[in-house]
Amino acid sequence: MAQDLEHWYRIFLFLIIFYPINLPLPTFATHLQPLNTSGYLFSKADTPTLNPPKKTIVSSAMSEKSTSRSKRNSPKRSLASGSATSDAKRRKSEHVKKFTEMKLGDIEQIFQNSRDALSKAEDLYQDAEKARTEKMETYMDATKAMTGAHQTLSSAVIRKVNATKDVARLEMIKDAREAIEKRDNLQIQVDKHKKELFAVETKLLMWDNIANMAVENLKEEDLEQLFLFQG
């Protein structure tokens, strides 16, 4: 473990010594700021922003271009650039000095903090993945329930259609039965009237036969008396 830390220490020291002075410090310098805050903090102008908007970049570039044009022939330009270079060198030398004065325990603590942050991020990722899985399972259950509800609704619609057909069929059967009953009643009445008519015809035929027999048996004298009686 000590050899690994010493190896990384040498790599960091190499990067700091040969890092260009006109560029901002690397991101791991932010881990060193809490160790010594006096004379080591960056100003807002020296601190680079992460992912600035494109509009801000264009406007800043145009403003810098116009400023450089206005100060191109200014006698203070060389003095300002020399002052900025000296400030960058001074900050770099202070950074190298602070970093070289650090102990291996401090570097190990930085690595341990990074590991802890990575472990925490991994735990958060696992929790998010678990929550996503639970939501996906809930969504699948809801989808299954909705599919079952649709199937139940379809079955109910089919049963309703079949019931409607059955009701219509029963109504047709009922109407047919009523028509058959009416026909049977009319047939009964017709048969009854036929019997009554047959009885009347039978009586008329009998009376006709009786009258014919009476006429045949009458004598001429009886007919004369009958005519006289009627007169």
C-alpha atoms as a PDB file:
ATOM      1  CA  MET A   1       0.000   0.000   0.000  1.00  0.00           C
ATOM      2  CA  ALA A   2       2.842   2.439   0.864  1.00  0.00           C
ATOM      3  CA  GLN A   3       4.587   1.679  -2.431  1.00  0.00           C
ATOM      4  CA  ASP A   4       1.423   2.420  -4.395  1.00  0.00           C
ATOM      5  CA  LEU A   5       0.923   5.708  -2.592  1.00  0.00           C
ATOM      6  CA  GLU A   6       4.539   6.696  -3.204  1.00  0.00           C
ATOM      7  CA  HIS A   7       4.140   5.820  -6.891  1.00  0.00           C
ATOM      8  CA  TRP A   8       1.034   8.000  -7.223  1.00  0.00           C
ATOM      9  CA  TYR A   9       2.768  10.742  -5.238  1.00  0.00           C
ATOM     10  CA  ARG A  10       5.595  10.827  -7.772  1.00  0.00           C
ATOM     11  CA  ILE A  11       3.128  10.932 -10.653  1.00  0.00           C
ATOM     12  CA  PHE A  12       1.246  13.879  -9.108  1.00  0.00           C
ATOM     13  CA  LEU A  13       4.506  15.695  -8.419  1.00  0.00           C
ATOM     14  CA  PHE A  14       5.610  15.169 -12.036  1.00  0.00           C
ATOM     15  CA  LEU A  15       2.298  16.502 -13.347  1.00  0.00           C
ATOM     16  CA  ILE A  16       2.470  19.582 -11.149  1.00  0.00           C
ATOM     17  CA  ILE A  17       6.079  20.458 -12.048  1.00  0.00           C
ATOM     18  CA  PHE A  18       5.601  20.120 -15.816  1.00  0.00           C
ATOM     19  CA  TYR A  19       2.060  21.503 -15.996  1.00  0.00           C
ATOM     20  CA  PRO A  20       1.824  24.680 -18.189  1.00  0.00           C
ATOM     21  CA  ILE A  21       1.619  27.882 -16.205  1.00  0.00           C
ATOM     22  CA  ASN A  22      -0.955  29.509 -18.504  1.00  0.00           C
ATOM     23  CA  LEU A  23      -3.572  26.792 -17.871  1.00  0.00           C
ATOM     24  CA  PRO A  24      -5.802  26.336 -14.789  1.00  0.00           C
ATOM     25  CA  LEU A  25      -4.767  23.835 -12.168  1.00  0.00           C
ATOM     26  CA  PRO A  26      -6.042  20.255 -12.441  1.00  0.00           C
ATOM     27  CA  THR A  27      -9.160  19.164 -10.631  1.00  0.00           C
ATOM     28  CA  PHE A  28      -7.284  17.314  -7.877  1.00  0.00           C
ATOM     29  CA  ALA A  29      -6.012  20.676  -6.609  1.00  0.00           C
ATOM     30  CA  THR A  30      -9.463  21.229  -5.146  1.00  0.00           C
ATOM     31  CA  HIS A  31      -8.784  18.382  -2.723  1.00  0.00           C
ATOM     32  CA  LEU A  32      -5.710  20.232  -1.446  1.00  0.00           C
ATOM     33  CA  GLN A  33      -7.447  23.528  -0.705  1.00  0.00           C
ATOM     34  CA  PRO A  34      -8.901  22.595   2.725  1.00  0.00           C
ATOM     35  CA  LEU A  35      -5.386  21.693   3.984  1.00  0.00           C
ATOM     36  CA  ASN A  36      -4.053  25.298   3.776  1.00  0.00           C
ATOM     37  CA  THR A  37      -6.511  28.050   2.975  1.00  0.00           C
ATOM     38  CA  SER A  38      -4.193  31.055   3.507  1.00  0.00           C
ATOM     39  CA  GLY A  39      -2.826  32.473   0.270  1.00  0.00           C
ATOM     40  CA  TYR A  40      -3.955  29.437  -1.763  1.00  0.00           C
ATOM     41  CA  LEU A  41      -7.572  30.112  -2.742  1.00  0.00           C
ATOM     42  CA  PHE A  42      -8.450  31.001  -6.323  1.00  0.00           C
ATOM     43  CA  SER A  43     -10.526  34.001  -7.198  1.00  0.00           C
ATOM     44  CA  LYS A  44     -13.725  33.717  -9.200  1.00  0.00           C
ATOM     45  CA  ALA A  45     -11.953  35.097 -12.243  1.00  0.00           C
ATOM     46  CA  ASP A  46      -9.218  32.390 -12.089  1.00  0.00           C
ATOM     47  CA  THR A  47     -11.603  29.506 -11.397  1.00  0.00           C
ATOM     48  CA  PRO A  48     -12.833  27.846 -14.629  1.00  0.00           C
ATOM     49  CA  THR A  49     -16.532  27.067 -14.917  1.00  0.00           C
ATOM     50  CA  LEU A  50     -17.773  23.648 -15.949  1.00  0.00           C
ATOM     51  CA  ASN A  51     -19.872  23.341 -19.092  1.00  0.00           C
ATOM     52  CA  PRO A  52     -20.623  27.076 -19.684  1.00  0.00           C
ATOM     53  CA  PRO A  53     -23.438  27.872 -22.092  1.00  0.00           C
ATOM     54  CA  LYS A  54     -22.535  28.447 -25.715  1.00  0.00           C
ATOM     55  CA  LYS A  55     -24.002  31.929 -25.660  1.00  0.00           C
ATOM     56  CA  THR A  56     -21.761  32.943 -22.751  1.00  0.00           C
ATOM     57  CA  ILE A  57     -18.683  31.563 -24.533  1.00  0.00           C
ATOM     58  CA  VAL A  58     -19.441  33.510 -27.703  1.00  0.00           C
ATOM     59  CA  SER A  59     -20.138  36.742 -25.844  1.00  0.00           C
ATOM     60  CA  SER A  60     -17.011  36.393 -23.690  1.00  0.00           C
ATOM     61  CA  ALA A  61     -14.899  35.627 -26.765  1.00  0.00           C
ATOM     62  CA  MET A  62     -16.262  38.688 -28.570  1.00  0.00           C
ATOM     63  CA  SER A  63     -15.662  40.895 -25.536  1.00  0.00           C
ATOM     64  CA  GLU A  64     -12.116  39.579 -25.153  1.00  0.00           C
ATOM     65  CA  LYS A  65     -11.501  40.161 -28.866  1.00  0.00           C
ATOM     66  CA  SER A  66     -12.750  43.733 -28.670  1.00  0.00           C
ATOM     67  CA  THR A  67     -10.711  44.320 -25.513  1.00  0.00           C
ATOM     68  CA  SER A  68      -7.581  42.938 -27.137  1.00  0.00           C
ATOM     69  CA  ARG A  69      -8.126  45.217 -30.148  1.00  0.00           C
ATOM     70  CA  SER A  70      -8.543  48.267 -27.945  1.00  0.00           C
ATOM     71  CA  LYS A  71      -5.456  47.427 -25.899  1.00  0.00           C
ATOM     72  CA  ARG A  72      -3.270  46.255 -28.768  1.00  0.00           C
ATOM     73  CA  ASN A  73      -1.280  49.493 -28.922  1.00  0.00           C
ATOM     74  CA  SER A  74      -1.537  50.272 -25.196  1.00  0.00           C
ATOM     75  CA  PRO A  75       1.789  50.621 -23.294  1.00  0.00           C
ATOM     76  CA  LYS A  76       0.283  48.806 -20.300  1.00  0.00           C
ATOM     77  CA  ARG A  77      -0.267  45.596 -22.280  1.00  0.00           C
ATOM     78  CA  SER A  78       3.222  44.208 -21.719  1.00  0.00           C
ATOM     79  CA  LEU A  79       3.070  45.065 -18.039  1.00  0.00           C
ATOM     80  CA  ALA A  80      -0.304  43.314 -17.591  1.00  0.00           C
ATOM     81  CA  SER A  81       0.821  40.172 -19.414  1.00  0.00           C
ATOM     82  CA  GLY A  82       4.039  40.070 -17.420  1.00  0.00           C
ATOM     83  CA  SER A  83       2.093  40.479 -14.176  1.00  0.00           C
ATOM     84  CA  ALA A  84      -0.306  37.655 -15.106  1.00  0.00           C
ATOM     85  CA  THR A  85       2.631  35.379 -15.982  1.00  0.00           C
ATOM     86  CA  SER A  86       4.362  36.134 -12.705  1.00  0.00           C
ATOM     87  CA  ASP A  87       1.144  35.493 -10.768  1.00  0.00           C
ATOM     88  CA  ALA A  88       0.709  32.154 -12.531  1.00  0.00           C
ATOM     89  CA  LYS A  89       4.305  31.198 -11.762  1.00  0.00           C
ATOM     90  CA  ARG A  90       3.862  32.217  -8.145  1.00  0.00           C
ATOM     91  CA  ARG A  91       0.652  30.195  -7.800  1.00  0.00           C
ATOM     92  CA  LYS A  92       2.304  27.200  -9.429  1.00  0.00           C
ATOM     93  CA  SER A  93       5.325  27.421  -7.137  1.00  0.00           C
ATOM     94  CA  GLU A  94       3.051  27.700  -4.111  1.00  0.00           C
ATOM     95  CA  HIS A  95       1.059  24.729  -5.335  1.00  0.00           C
ATOM     96  CA  VAL A  96       4.219  22.658  -5.835  1.00  0.00           C
ATOM     97  CA  LYS A  97       5.482  23.675  -2.416  1.00  0.00           C
ATOM     98  CA  LYS A  98       2.211  22.791  -0.668  1.00  0.00           C
ATOM     99  CA  PHE A  99       1.967  19.489  -2.520  1.00  0.00           C
ATOM    100  CA  THR A 100       5.567  18.496  -1.770  1.00  0.00           C
ATOM    101  CA  GLU A 101       5.013  19.287   1.897  1.00  0.00           C
ATOM    102  CA  MET A 102       2.064  16.916   2.084  1.00  0.00           C
ATOM    103  CA  LYS A 103       2.469  13.652   3.926  1.00  0.00           C
ATOM    104  CA  LEU A 104       1.646  10.234   2.568  1.00  0.00           C
ATOM    105  CA  GLY A 105      -1.069   9.975   5.186  1.00  0.00           C
ATOM    106  CA  ASP A 106      -2.775  13.079   3.793  1.00  0.00           C
ATOM    107  CA  ILE A 107      -2.592  11.676   0.269  1.00  0.00           C
ATOM    108  CA  GLU A 108      -3.944   8.370   1.539  1.00  0.00           C
ATOM    109  CA  GLN A 109      -6.755  10.255   3.233  1.00  0.00           C
ATOM    110  CA  ILE A 110      -7.574  11.963  -0.083  1.00  0.00           C
ATOM    111  CA  PHE A 111      -7.664   8.587  -1.809  1.00  0.00           C
ATOM    112  CA  GLN A 112      -9.809   7.180   0.997  1.00  0.00           C
ATOM    113  CA  ASN A 113     -12.235  10.082   0.660  1.00  0.00           C
ATOM    114  CA  SER A 114     -12.394   9.450  -3.079  1.00  0.00           C
ATOM    115  CA  ARG A 115     -13.060   5.754  -2.453  1.00  0.00           C
ATOM    116  CA  ASP A 116     -15.772   6.614   0.062  1.00  0.00           C
ATOM    117  CA  ALA A 117     -17.386   9.000  -2.415  1.00  0.00           C
ATOM    118  CA  LEU A 118     -17.195   6.330  -5.121  1.00  0.00           C
ATOM    119  CA  SER A 119     -18.724   3.754  -2.773  1.00  0.00           C
ATOM    120  CA  LYS A 120     -21.505   6.168  -1.849  1.00  0.00           C
ATOM    121  CA  ALA A 121     -22.147   6.889  -5.520  1.00  0.00           C
ATOM    122  CA  GLU A 122     -22.252   3.146  -6.189  1.00  0.00           C
ATOM    123  CA  ASP A 123     -24.761   2.686  -3.362  1.00  0.00           C
ATOM    124  CA  LEU A 124     -26.891   5.501  -4.748  1.00  0.00           C
ATOM    125  CA  TYR A 125     -26.718   3.910  -8.192  1.00  0.00           C
ATOM    126  CA  GLN A 126     -27.754   0.537  -6.762  1.00  0.00           C
ATOM    127  CA  ASP A 127     -30.653   2.179  -4.917  1.00  0.00           C
ATOM    128  CA  ALA A 128     -31.726   3.954  -8.093  1.00  0.00           C
ATOM    129  CA  GLU A 129     -31.469   0.708 -10.060  1.00  0.00           C
ATOM    130  CA  LYS A 130     -33.503  -1.091  -7.399  1.00  0.00           C
ATOM    131  CA  ALA A 131     -36.154   1.639  -7.443  1.00  0.00           C
ATOM    132  CA  ARG A 132     -36.251   1.481 -11.248  1.00  0.00           C
ATOM    133  CA  THR A 133     -36.666  -2.307 -11.088  1.00  0.00           C
ATOM    134  CA  GLU A 134     -39.478  -1.972  -8.545  1.00  0.00           C
ATOM    135  CA  LYS A 135     -41.211   0.638 -10.694  1.00  0.00           C
ATOM    136  CA  MET A 136     -40.804  -1.588 -13.733  1.00  0.00           C
ATOM    137  CA  GLU A 137     -42.314  -4.518 -11.817  1.00  0.00           C
ATOM    138  CA  THR A 138     -45.175  -2.297 -10.670  1.00  0.00           C
ATOM    139  CA  TYR A 139     -45.698  -1.177 -14.266  1.00  0.00           C
ATOM    140  CA  MET A 140     -45.696  -4.791 -15.481  1.00  0.00           C
ATOM    141  CA  ASP A 141     -48.206  -5.752 -12.778  1.00  0.00           C
ATOM    142  CA  ALA A 142     -50.401  -2.814 -13.759  1.00  0.00           C
ATOM    143  CA  THR A 143     -50.104  -3.830 -17.412  1.00  0.00           C
ATOM    144  CA  LYS A 144     -51.114  -7.395 -16.570  1.00  0.00           C
ATOM    145  CA  ALA A 145     -54.043  -6.139 -14.491  1.00  0.00           C
ATOM    146  CA  MET A 146     -55.133  -3.828 -17.306  1.00  0.00           C
ATOM    147  CA  THR A 147     -54.868  -6.703 -19.793  1.00  0.00           C
ATOM    148  CA  GLY A 148     -56.981  -8.878 -17.493  1.00  0.00           C
ATOM    149  CA  ALA A 149     -59.526  -6.078 -17.154  1.00  0.00           C
ATOM    150  CA  HIS A 150     -59.704  -5.733 -20.938  1.00  0.00           C
ATOM    151  CA  GLN A 151     -60.217  -9.481 -21.294  1.00  0.00           C
ATOM    152  CA  THR A 152     -62.944  -9.418 -18.640  1.00  0.00           C
ATOM    153  CA  LEU A 153     -64.609  -6.481 -20.393  1.00  0.00           C
ATOM    154  CA  SER A 154     -64.431  -8.290 -23.736  1.00  0.00           C
ATOM    155  CA  SER A 155     -65.973 -11.405 -22.181  1.00  0.00           C
ATOM    156  CA  ALA A 156     -68.718  -9.290 -20.620  1.00  0.00           C
ATOM    157  CA  VAL A 157     -69.442  -7.642 -23.970  1.00  0.00           C
ATOM    158  CA  ILE A 158     -69.623 -11.053 -25.657  1.00  0.00           C
ATOM    159  CA  ARG A 159     -71.938 -12.349 -22.934  1.00  0.00           C
ATOM    160  CA  LYS A 160     -74.094  -9.248 -23.292  1.00  0.00           C
ATOM    161  CA  VAL A 161     -74.348  -9.766 -27.049  1.00  0.00           C
ATOM    162  CA  ASN A 162     -75.212 -13.422 -26.549  1.00  0.00           C
ATOM    163  CA  ALA A 163     -77.762 -12.519 -23.881  1.00  0.00           C
ATOM    164  CA  THR A 164     -79.287  -9.957 -26.220  1.00  0.00           C
ATOM    165  CA  LYS A 165     -79.542 -12.616 -28.908  1.00  0.00           C
ATOM    166  CA  ASP A 166     -81.071 -15.033 -26.394  1.00  0.00           C
ATOM    167  CA  VAL A 167     -83.601 -12.426 -25.294  1.00  0.00           C
ATOM    168  CA  ALA A 168     -84.543 -11.708 -28.911  1.00  0.00           C
ATOM    169  CA  ARG A 169     -84.845 -15.437 -29.565  1.00  0.00           C
ATOM    170  CA  LEU A 170     -87.028 -15.889 -26.482  1.00  0.00           C
ATOM    171  CA  GLU A 171     -89.231 -12.993 -27.546  1.00  0.00           C
ATOM    172  CA  MET A 172     -89.626 -14.559 -30.983  1.00  0.00           C
ATOM    173  CA  ILE A 173     -90.500 -17.894 -29.374  1.00  0.00           C
ATOM    174  CA  LYS A 174     -93.002 -16.161 -27.106  1.00  0.00           C
ATOM    175  CA  ASP A 175     -94.638 -14.395 -30.045  1.00  0.00           C
ATOM    176  CA  ALA A 176     -94.776 -17.686 -31.967  1.00  0.00           C
ATOM    177  CA  ARG A 177     -96.401 -19.429 -29.015  1.00  0.00           C
ATOM    178  CA  GLU A 178     -98.971 -16.661 -28.683  1.00  0.00           C
ATOM    179  CA  ALA A 179     -99.746 -16.942 -32.406  1.00  0.00           C
ATOM    180  CA  ILE A 180    -100.082 -20.723 -32.097  1.00  0.00           C
ATOM    181  CA  GLU A 181    -102.420 -20.329 -29.118  1.00  0.00           C
ATOM    182  CA  LYS A 182    -104.549 -17.836 -31.038  1.00  0.00           C
ATOM    183  CA  ARG A 183    -104.681 -20.194 -34.003  1.00  0.00           C
ATOM    184  CA  ASP A 184    -105.641 -23.094 -31.744  1.00  0.00           C
ATOM    185  CA  ASN A 185    -108.391 -21.023 -30.110  1.00  0.00           C
ATOM    186  CA  LEU A 186    -109.732 -20.001 -33.496  1.00  0.00           C
ATOM    187  CA  GLN A 187    -109.583 -23.602 -34.655  1.00  0.00           C
ATOM    188  CA  ILE A 188    -111.513 -24.673 -31.572  1.00  0.00           C
ATOM    189  CA  GLN A 189    -114.148 -22.028 -32.243  1.00  0.00           C
ATOM    190  CA  VAL A 190    -114.374 -23.073 -35.904  1.00  0.00           C
ATOM    191  CA  ASP A 191    -114.783 -26.706 -34.906  1.00  0.00           C
ATOM    192  CA  LYS A 192    -117.466 -25.722 -32.420  1.00  0.00           C
ATOM    193  CA  HIS A 193    -119.325 -23.703 -35.030  1.00  0.00           C
ATOM    194  CA  LYS A 194    -119.024 -26.595 -37.453  1.00  0.00           C
ATOM    195  CA  LYS A 195    -120.562 -28.961 -34.905  1.00  0.00           C
ATOM    196  CA  GLU A 196    -123.395 -26.542 -34.198  1.00  0.00           C
ATOM    197  CA  LEU A 197    -123.986 -26.060 -37.918  1.00  0.00           C
ATOM    198  CA  PHE A 198    -123.944 -29.803 -38.473  1.00  0.00           C
ATOM    199  CA  ALA A 199    -126.490 -30.246 -35.671  1.00  0.00           C
ATOM    200  CA  VAL A 200    -128.757 -27.585 -37.218  1.00  0.00           C
ATOM    201  CA  GLU A 201    -128.409 -29.149 -40.660  1.00  0.00           C
ATOM    202  CA  THR A 202    -129.176 -32.553 -39.186  1.00  0.00           C
ATOM    203  CA  LYS A 203    -132.331 -31.194 -37.537  1.00  0.00           C
ATOM    204  CA  LEU A 204    -133.388 -29.470 -40.739  1.00  0.00           C
ATOM    205  CA  LEU A 205    -132.844 -32.636 -42.713  1.00  0.00           C
ATOM    206  CA  MET A 206    -134.848 -34.611 -40.157  1.00  0.00           C
ATOM    207  CA  TRP A 207    -137.707 -32.124 -40.279  1.00  0.00           C
ATOM    208  CA  ASP A 208    -137.569 -32.161 -44.043  1.00  0.00           C
ATOM    209  CA  ASN A 209    -137.840 -35.939 -44.082  1.00  0.00           C
ATOM    210  CA  ILE A 210    -140.725 -35.811 -41.623  1.00  0.00           C
ATOM    211  CA  ALA A 211    -142.507 -33.230 -43.742  1.00  0.00           C
ATOM    212  CA  ASN A 212    -142.006 -35.281 -46.885  1.00  0.00           C
ATOM    213  CA  MET A 213    -143.351 -38.403 -45.165  1.00  0.00           C
ATOM    214  CA  ALA A 214    -146.360 -36.477 -43.871  1.00  0.00           C
ATOM    215  CA  VAL A 215    -147.121 -35.100 -47.300  1.00  0.00           C
ATOM    216  CA  GLU A 216    -146.907 -38.539 -48.842  1.00  0.00           C
ATOM    217  CA  ASN A 217    -149.217 -40.039 -46.237  1.00  0.00           C
ATOM    218  CA  LEU A 218    -151.854 -37.350 -46.552  1.00  0.00           C
ATOM    219  CA  LYS A 219    -154.965 -38.126 -48.559  1.00  0.00           C
ATOM    220  CA  GLU A 220    -156.781 -35.853 -50.882  1.00  0.00           C
ATOM    221  CA  GLU A 221    -159.573 -35.385 -48.335  1.00  0.00           C
ATOM    222  CA  ASP A 222    -157.113 -34.385 -45.691  1.00  0.00           C
ATOM    223  CA  LEU A 223    -155.605 -31.817 -48.012  1.00  0.00           C
ATOM    224  CA  GLU A 224    -159.003 -30.285 -48.678  1.00  0.00           C
ATOM    225  CA  GLN A 225    -159.714 -30.054 -44.954  1.00  0.00           C
ATOM    226  CA  LEU A 226    -156.302 -28.558 -44.408  1.00  0.00           C
ATOM    227  CA  PHE A 227    -156.923 -25.903 -47.017  1.00  0.00           C
ATOM    228  CA  LEU A 228    -160.345 -25.235 -45.550  1.00  0.00           C
ATOM    229  CA  PHE A 229    -158.864 -24.928 -42.088  1.00  0.00           C
ATOM    230  CA  GLN A 230    -156.259 -22.502 -43.296  1.00  0.00           C
ATOM    231  CA  GLY A 231    -158.874 -20.448 -45.131  1.00  0.00           C
END
